[in-house]
N, C-alpha and C. Protein backbone atom coordinates (compact mmCIF):
# COMPACT_ATOMS: atom_id res chain seq x y z
N MET A 1 -71.85 -67.20 30.15
CA MET A 1 -71.44 -66.70 31.54
C MET A 1 -72.56 -66.06 32.25
N ILE A 2 -72.48 -66.27 33.50
CA ILE A 2 -73.76 -65.75 34.39
C ILE A 2 -72.93 -64.82 35.43
N ALA A 3 -73.22 -63.69 35.41
CA ALA A 3 -72.29 -62.85 36.32
C ALA A 3 -72.35 -63.06 37.86
N ASP A 4 -73.23 -63.64 38.33
CA ASP A 4 -73.55 -63.78 39.78
C ASP A 4 -73.24 -65.16 40.15
N LYS A 5 -72.78 -65.96 39.33
CA LYS A 5 -72.20 -67.35 39.42
C LYS A 5 -70.73 -67.66 39.45
N ILE A 6 -70.27 -68.60 40.44
CA ILE A 6 -68.87 -68.77 40.47
C ILE A 6 -68.55 -70.27 40.09
N GLY A 7 -67.41 -70.54 39.44
CA GLY A 7 -66.99 -71.86 38.96
C GLY A 7 -65.62 -72.03 39.28
N THR A 8 -65.10 -73.39 39.28
CA THR A 8 -63.74 -73.47 39.27
C THR A 8 -63.33 -74.52 38.15
N LEU A 9 -62.08 -74.21 37.79
CA LEU A 9 -61.44 -75.09 36.71
C LEU A 9 -59.86 -75.13 37.05
N GLY A 10 -59.64 -76.42 36.98
CA GLY A 10 -58.13 -76.68 37.29
C GLY A 10 -57.52 -77.90 36.65
N PHE A 11 -56.21 -78.10 36.36
CA PHE A 11 -55.67 -79.02 35.76
C PHE A 11 -54.40 -79.45 36.91
N CYS A 12 -54.18 -80.77 37.00
CA CYS A 12 -53.06 -81.36 37.70
C CYS A 12 -53.36 -80.84 39.25
N ILE A 13 -52.44 -80.13 39.78
CA ILE A 13 -52.50 -79.76 41.20
C ILE A 13 -53.75 -78.82 41.37
N GLY A 14 -53.82 -77.85 40.32
CA GLY A 14 -55.05 -76.98 40.27
C GLY A 14 -56.39 -77.93 40.12
N GLY A 15 -56.26 -78.90 39.61
CA GLY A 15 -57.54 -79.83 39.42
C GLY A 15 -57.93 -80.29 40.76
N HIS A 16 -56.77 -80.67 41.68
CA HIS A 16 -57.02 -80.99 43.05
C HIS A 16 -57.68 -79.84 43.91
N LEU A 17 -57.23 -78.72 43.54
CA LEU A 17 -57.74 -77.61 44.25
C LEU A 17 -59.16 -77.05 43.85
N ALA A 18 -59.33 -77.22 42.55
CA ALA A 18 -60.66 -77.15 41.94
C ALA A 18 -61.74 -77.98 42.51
N PHE A 19 -61.37 -79.21 42.70
CA PHE A 19 -62.09 -80.36 43.26
C PHE A 19 -62.48 -79.88 44.81
N ARG A 20 -61.48 -79.52 45.50
CA ARG A 20 -61.85 -79.08 46.98
C ARG A 20 -62.67 -78.00 47.06
N ALA A 21 -62.43 -77.06 45.99
CA ALA A 21 -63.31 -75.70 46.21
C ALA A 21 -64.56 -75.95 45.76
N GLY A 22 -64.90 -77.17 44.98
CA GLY A 22 -66.16 -77.44 44.62
C GLY A 22 -67.20 -77.79 45.74
N PHE A 23 -66.72 -77.95 46.84
CA PHE A 23 -67.48 -78.34 48.04
C PHE A 23 -67.86 -77.10 48.74
N GLU A 24 -67.55 -76.00 48.41
CA GLU A 24 -67.84 -74.73 49.06
C GLU A 24 -69.27 -74.31 48.62
N ASN A 25 -70.07 -73.78 49.33
CA ASN A 25 -71.35 -73.27 48.96
C ASN A 25 -71.25 -72.34 47.86
N GLU A 26 -70.50 -71.51 47.86
CA GLU A 26 -70.47 -70.56 46.82
C GLU A 26 -70.37 -71.12 45.51
N ILE A 27 -69.67 -72.11 45.33
CA ILE A 27 -69.17 -72.67 44.06
C ILE A 27 -70.42 -73.58 43.30
N GLU A 28 -70.72 -73.03 42.14
CA GLU A 28 -71.94 -73.49 41.29
C GLU A 28 -71.57 -74.58 40.30
N ALA A 29 -70.24 -74.60 39.80
CA ALA A 29 -69.83 -75.63 38.90
C ALA A 29 -68.46 -75.83 39.16
N CYS A 30 -67.90 -77.06 38.97
CA CYS A 30 -66.46 -77.38 39.07
C CYS A 30 -66.01 -78.43 38.06
N ILE A 31 -64.90 -77.93 37.37
CA ILE A 31 -64.32 -78.78 36.38
C ILE A 31 -63.03 -78.92 36.83
N TYR A 32 -62.43 -80.37 36.94
CA TYR A 32 -61.21 -80.69 37.33
C TYR A 32 -60.70 -81.93 36.42
N CYS A 33 -59.33 -81.51 35.82
CA CYS A 33 -58.79 -82.28 34.65
C CYS A 33 -57.49 -82.85 35.57
N TYR A 34 -57.26 -84.08 35.34
CA TYR A 34 -56.07 -84.95 36.00
C TYR A 34 -55.61 -84.40 37.20
N PRO A 35 -56.60 -84.52 38.11
CA PRO A 35 -56.31 -84.01 39.57
C PRO A 35 -55.20 -84.76 40.18
N THR A 36 -54.24 -84.20 40.90
CA THR A 36 -53.39 -85.05 41.72
C THR A 36 -53.99 -85.36 43.09
N GLY A 37 -53.68 -86.48 43.56
CA GLY A 37 -53.93 -86.68 45.01
C GLY A 37 -55.40 -86.98 45.46
N ILE A 38 -56.37 -87.19 44.41
CA ILE A 38 -57.70 -87.39 44.91
C ILE A 38 -57.79 -88.97 45.44
N TYR A 39 -57.21 -89.58 44.91
CA TYR A 39 -57.32 -91.06 45.10
C TYR A 39 -56.56 -91.44 46.45
N ASN A 40 -55.53 -90.76 46.88
CA ASN A 40 -54.81 -91.06 48.00
C ASN A 40 -54.86 -90.00 49.14
N GLY A 41 -55.55 -88.90 48.85
CA GLY A 41 -55.60 -87.85 49.76
C GLY A 41 -54.36 -87.02 50.12
N LYS A 42 -53.43 -87.04 49.01
CA LYS A 42 -52.13 -86.10 49.26
C LYS A 42 -52.22 -85.08 48.16
N LEU A 43 -51.52 -83.90 48.72
CA LEU A 43 -51.41 -82.70 47.81
C LEU A 43 -50.06 -82.42 47.86
N GLY A 44 -49.21 -82.93 46.57
CA GLY A 44 -47.95 -82.71 46.62
C GLY A 44 -47.21 -83.90 47.65
N LYS A 45 -46.13 -83.42 48.50
CA LYS A 45 -45.61 -84.53 49.35
C LYS A 45 -46.54 -84.38 50.57
N CYS A 46 -47.37 -83.46 50.72
CA CYS A 46 -48.09 -83.39 52.14
C CYS A 46 -49.45 -84.32 52.12
N VAL A 47 -49.83 -84.58 53.21
CA VAL A 47 -51.22 -85.13 53.18
C VAL A 47 -52.34 -83.91 53.21
N ALA A 48 -53.25 -84.07 52.41
CA ALA A 48 -54.39 -83.09 52.33
C ALA A 48 -55.25 -83.64 53.27
N ASN A 49 -55.02 -83.13 54.53
CA ASN A 49 -55.85 -83.70 55.44
C ASN A 49 -57.35 -83.46 55.72
N THR A 50 -57.55 -82.26 55.18
CA THR A 50 -59.05 -81.96 55.02
C THR A 50 -59.95 -82.53 53.95
N ILE A 51 -59.40 -83.28 53.05
CA ILE A 51 -60.06 -83.83 51.93
C ILE A 51 -61.14 -85.04 52.32
N ASN A 52 -60.70 -85.77 53.35
CA ASN A 52 -61.63 -86.74 53.70
C ASN A 52 -63.04 -86.19 54.50
N SER A 53 -62.80 -85.03 54.87
CA SER A 53 -64.07 -84.55 55.48
C SER A 53 -65.14 -84.25 54.26
N TYR A 54 -64.70 -84.01 53.15
CA TYR A 54 -65.43 -83.56 52.03
C TYR A 54 -66.09 -84.98 51.32
N ILE A 55 -65.50 -85.94 51.37
CA ILE A 55 -65.76 -87.31 50.72
C ILE A 55 -66.66 -88.08 51.73
N LEU A 56 -67.84 -88.17 51.22
CA LEU A 56 -68.72 -89.15 52.27
C LEU A 56 -68.40 -90.56 51.97
């Protein structure tokens, strides 16, 4: 562990959120397991309308 570094870890919906958080400049490492909605841009019932701005 490095005190001045920030990472994310999430499973399922948390994996989706960890994935999205990984695009923030402050995040140094990102681990996401079984993330929901990455392939279709949905977060639960709603559309994660900002996710497409992250994916090139």
